[in-house]
């Protein structure tokens, strides 16, 4: 999983638009 903005897993799940699942 690579995050564009938030490197925090819990936070990242809330930012689906900025999430990239690799």
C-alpha atoms as a PDB file:
ATOM      1  CA  UNK A   1       0.000   0.000   0.000  1.00  0.00           C
ATOM      2  CA  UNK A   2       1.355   3.423  -0.940  1.00  0.00           C
ATOM      3  CA  UNK A   3      -0.152   6.617   0.378  1.00  0.00           C
ATOM      4  CA  UNK A   4       0.054   9.951  -1.426  1.00  0.00           C
ATOM      5  CA  UNK A   5      -0.602  12.160   1.591  1.00  0.00           C
ATOM      6  CA  UNK A   6      -1.120  10.390   4.902  1.00  0.00           C
ATOM      7  CA  UNK A   7       1.409   7.639   5.683  1.00  0.00           C
ATOM      8  CA  UNK A   8      -0.803   6.559   8.571  1.00  0.00           C
ATOM      9  CA  UNK A   9      -2.770   3.378   7.908  1.00  0.00           C
ATOM     10  CA  UNK A  10      -5.789   4.335  10.026  1.00  0.00           C
ATOM     11  CA  UNK A  11      -5.877   7.840   8.555  1.00  0.00           C
ATOM     12  CA  UNK A  12      -5.304   6.522   5.059  1.00  0.00           C
ATOM     13  CA  UNK A  13      -8.435   4.368   5.065  1.00  0.00           C
ATOM     14  CA  UNK A  14     -10.440   7.564   5.547  1.00  0.00           C
ATOM     15  CA  UNK A  15      -8.803   9.142   2.493  1.00  0.00           C
ATOM     16  CA  UNK A  16      -9.973   6.782  -0.244  1.00  0.00           C
ATOM     17  CA  UNK A  17      -9.538   9.457  -2.925  1.00  0.00           C
ATOM     18  CA  UNK A  18      -5.853   9.842  -2.095  1.00  0.00           C
ATOM     19  CA  UNK A  19      -5.196   6.148  -1.617  1.00  0.00           C
ATOM     20  CA  UNK A  20      -3.341   3.877  -4.005  1.00  0.00           C
ATOM     21  CA  UNK A  21      -3.451   0.147  -3.325  1.00  0.00           C
ATOM     22  CA  UNK A  22      -0.490  -1.577  -4.885  1.00  0.00           C
END
